[in-house]
């Protein structure tokens, strides 16, 4: 794991995170989690409303379920700002352990991507959900207490630095380098 950044170093990177594109970004990374603690970084992956990212453990069960015990679609796809993880992880090789599925270079703030906003990525369409995404003790272990405090601070939550959740609404294929475009 990389060295952990200090609060001043993290705050110095905030303007770059907030300067991310608003309407059309780029998919910078994909992570599939076959099982707890496992990470694969494919160049492309199929996504579906029924299974999320192909091969991801979400379809086998997750921390949030529907009344009938199925994995909840509101937490189907975890997304984090590529700029934010780039800052926190220090090196690109350290992005996957954070556990998010997609790293996009786009403004994740709620005024830009409110719940219900749809995004086209490759041939798929996803929809932002209202489920909050917070840093946990595992995040702190991997990236440091200062990084966890950074994403969980009032400002960090307002900017959604830890990321957002989405659900798949149109099955398709996505690939690293694909444009991420807001749909009307």
Protein backbone atom coordinates (compact mmCIF):
# COMPACT_ATOMS: atom_id res chain seq x y z
CA UNK A 1 0.00 0.00 0.00
CA UNK A 2 1.13 3.57 -0.61
CA UNK A 3 2.07 6.05 2.02
CA UNK A 4 -0.97 7.73 3.51
CA UNK A 5 -1.48 11.36 2.62
CA UNK A 6 -1.78 14.06 5.24
CA UNK A 7 -4.82 16.32 5.61
CA UNK A 8 -3.02 19.27 3.94
CA UNK A 9 -2.02 17.05 1.00
CA UNK A 10 -5.60 15.81 0.61
CA UNK A 11 -7.06 19.32 0.83
CA UNK A 12 -4.55 20.54 -1.76
CA UNK A 13 -5.98 17.98 -4.22
CA UNK A 14 -9.62 19.01 -3.71
CA UNK A 15 -9.71 21.72 -6.40
CA UNK A 16 -8.65 19.17 -9.05
CA UNK A 17 -11.37 16.74 -7.93
CA UNK A 18 -14.00 19.49 -8.09
CA UNK A 19 -12.84 20.50 -11.59
CA UNK A 20 -13.99 17.17 -13.08
CA UNK A 21 -16.20 17.32 -16.20
CA UNK A 22 -19.92 17.80 -15.57
CA UNK A 23 -21.73 16.41 -18.62
CA UNK A 24 -19.33 14.01 -20.31
CA UNK A 25 -16.58 12.18 -18.49
CA UNK A 26 -14.50 9.06 -19.05
CA UNK A 27 -14.54 5.58 -17.54
CA UNK A 28 -10.99 5.34 -16.16
CA UNK A 29 -11.17 1.94 -14.45
CA UNK A 30 -13.31 -1.16 -13.85
CA UNK A 31 -13.10 -3.50 -10.87
CA UNK A 32 -14.97 -6.79 -10.52
CA UNK A 33 -15.03 -8.34 -7.04
CA UNK A 34 -15.55 -12.11 -7.49
CA UNK A 35 -15.49 -12.70 -3.72
CA UNK A 36 -14.66 -10.85 -0.51
CA UNK A 37 -11.21 -9.29 -0.79
CA UNK A 38 -10.71 -10.33 -4.43
CA UNK A 39 -10.29 -7.76 -7.21
CA UNK A 40 -10.06 -8.15 -10.97
CA UNK A 41 -9.45 -5.20 -13.29
CA UNK A 42 -10.82 -6.12 -16.72
CA UNK A 43 -10.58 -3.74 -19.67
CA UNK A 44 -14.27 -4.38 -20.37
CA UNK A 45 -17.24 -6.12 -18.76
CA UNK A 46 -20.87 -6.91 -19.46
CA UNK A 47 -23.37 -5.25 -17.13
CA UNK A 48 -26.99 -6.20 -16.57
CA UNK A 49 -29.96 -5.23 -14.44
CA UNK A 50 -30.16 -8.84 -13.25
CA UNK A 51 -26.51 -9.31 -12.27
CA UNK A 52 -24.71 -5.96 -12.11
CA UNK A 53 -21.14 -6.32 -13.39
CA UNK A 54 -20.59 -9.84 -14.75
CA UNK A 55 -18.67 -11.88 -12.17
CA UNK A 56 -19.07 -9.36 -9.34
CA UNK A 57 -20.12 -10.70 -5.93
CA UNK A 58 -23.06 -8.25 -5.74
CA UNK A 59 -25.27 -10.81 -7.52
CA UNK A 60 -24.40 -13.45 -4.89
CA UNK A 61 -25.54 -11.22 -2.05
CA UNK A 62 -24.53 -7.95 -0.47
CA UNK A 63 -24.90 -5.89 2.69
CA UNK A 64 -28.27 -4.47 1.59
CA UNK A 65 -31.12 -6.71 0.44
CA UNK A 66 -34.69 -6.41 -0.77
CA UNK A 67 -37.58 -7.68 1.35
CA UNK A 68 -37.34 -11.08 -0.37
CA UNK A 69 -33.61 -11.38 0.40
CA UNK A 70 -32.17 -10.54 -3.04
CA UNK A 71 -29.27 -8.10 -3.44
CA UNK A 72 -30.67 -4.56 -3.45
CA UNK A 73 -30.40 -2.86 -6.85
CA UNK A 74 -29.76 0.53 -5.22
CA UNK A 75 -26.23 -0.64 -4.34
CA UNK A 76 -25.59 -2.64 -7.50
CA UNK A 77 -22.72 -0.55 -8.90
CA UNK A 78 -20.24 1.38 -6.72
CA UNK A 79 -18.71 4.43 -8.40
CA UNK A 80 -15.86 6.66 -7.27
CA UNK A 81 -14.28 9.73 -8.80
CA UNK A 82 -11.11 8.76 -10.65
CA UNK A 83 -9.59 12.05 -9.52
CA UNK A 84 -10.38 11.36 -5.87
CA UNK A 85 -9.06 7.79 -5.81
CA UNK A 86 -6.07 8.98 -7.83
CA UNK A 87 -5.25 11.42 -5.06
CA UNK A 88 -5.96 9.13 -2.13
CA UNK A 89 -4.34 5.97 -3.52
CA UNK A 90 -1.23 7.85 -4.70
CA UNK A 91 -0.47 5.19 -7.37
CA UNK A 92 -2.80 3.74 -10.01
CA UNK A 93 -1.99 0.20 -8.84
CA UNK A 94 -3.71 1.01 -5.52
CA UNK A 95 -7.14 1.93 -6.89
CA UNK A 96 -8.74 -1.55 -6.88
CA UNK A 97 -8.51 -2.24 -3.12
CA UNK A 98 -11.00 0.57 -2.43
CA UNK A 99 -13.70 -1.85 -3.62
CA UNK A 100 -15.61 0.35 -6.06
CA UNK A 101 -16.63 -1.04 -9.45
CA UNK A 102 -16.21 2.01 -11.65
CA UNK A 103 -13.80 4.93 -11.54
CA UNK A 104 -15.04 7.81 -13.64
CA UNK A 105 -13.62 11.23 -14.38
CA UNK A 106 -16.81 13.18 -13.78
CA UNK A 107 -18.31 15.54 -11.20
CA UNK A 108 -20.18 13.28 -8.73
CA UNK A 109 -21.71 16.09 -6.67
CA UNK A 110 -25.48 15.72 -6.10
CA UNK A 111 -26.25 18.94 -7.97
CA UNK A 112 -24.59 17.40 -11.03
CA UNK A 113 -25.67 13.74 -10.60
CA UNK A 114 -28.83 13.66 -8.47
CA UNK A 115 -30.61 10.39 -7.71
CA UNK A 116 -32.44 9.33 -10.86
CA UNK A 117 -29.85 10.83 -13.23
CA UNK A 118 -29.01 8.37 -15.98
CA UNK A 119 -25.57 7.91 -17.48
CA UNK A 120 -24.69 6.20 -20.76
CA UNK A 121 -21.46 4.20 -20.63
CA UNK A 122 -20.58 2.07 -23.66
CA UNK A 123 -23.82 0.35 -24.67
CA UNK A 124 -25.17 0.34 -21.09
CA UNK A 125 -27.19 2.85 -19.09
CA UNK A 126 -26.98 3.21 -15.32
CA UNK A 127 -29.07 5.31 -12.94
CA UNK A 128 -27.73 7.09 -9.86
CA UNK A 129 -29.46 6.01 -6.62
CA UNK A 130 -29.95 7.87 -3.34
CA UNK A 131 -28.01 5.35 -1.22
CA UNK A 132 -25.15 7.15 0.60
CA UNK A 133 -21.63 5.79 0.19
CA UNK A 134 -19.29 6.28 3.15
CA UNK A 135 -15.73 5.43 4.05
CA UNK A 136 -15.38 2.61 6.59
CA UNK A 137 -12.70 1.13 8.82
CA UNK A 138 -11.37 -0.93 5.90
CA UNK A 139 -11.03 2.27 3.85
CA UNK A 140 -9.07 3.82 6.72
CA UNK A 141 -6.78 0.77 6.94
CA UNK A 142 -6.02 0.91 3.22
CA UNK A 143 -5.67 4.67 2.72
CA UNK A 144 -5.20 6.11 6.21
CA UNK A 145 -7.35 7.79 8.85
CA UNK A 146 -6.85 11.21 7.26
CA UNK A 147 -8.23 9.95 3.93
CA UNK A 148 -11.23 8.40 5.67
CA UNK A 149 -11.87 11.65 7.55
CA UNK A 150 -11.45 13.56 4.25
CA UNK A 151 -14.19 11.57 2.45
CA UNK A 152 -16.48 11.40 5.51
CA UNK A 153 -16.22 15.07 6.48
CA UNK A 154 -19.21 17.36 5.96
CA UNK A 155 -17.51 18.75 2.85
CA UNK A 156 -16.47 15.26 1.69
CA UNK A 157 -20.05 14.00 1.92
CA UNK A 158 -21.37 17.14 0.22
CA UNK A 159 -18.97 16.51 -2.68
CA UNK A 160 -19.50 12.71 -2.56
CA UNK A 161 -15.78 12.11 -2.34
CA UNK A 162 -16.28 8.49 -1.24
CA UNK A 163 -18.48 7.94 -4.27
CA UNK A 164 -22.01 7.05 -5.26
CA UNK A 165 -24.15 4.02 -6.06
CA UNK A 166 -26.04 3.24 -9.24
CA UNK A 167 -28.21 0.53 -10.73
CA UNK A 168 -28.13 -0.87 -14.27
CA UNK A 169 -31.21 0.13 -16.28
CA UNK A 170 -30.02 -0.95 -19.74
CA UNK A 171 -27.86 -4.03 -20.17
CA UNK A 172 -24.71 -3.59 -22.21
CA UNK A 173 -20.93 -3.71 -22.40
CA UNK A 174 -18.64 -1.10 -20.89
CA UNK A 175 -14.90 -0.61 -21.38
CA UNK A 176 -12.12 1.46 -19.90
CA UNK A 177 -11.90 4.63 -21.98
CA UNK A 178 -15.63 4.78 -22.74
CA UNK A 179 -17.30 8.17 -22.52
CA UNK A 180 -19.68 8.63 -19.60
CA UNK A 181 -22.51 10.90 -20.74
CA UNK A 182 -25.44 12.38 -18.82
CA UNK A 183 -28.79 11.57 -20.43
CA UNK A 184 -31.66 14.05 -20.47
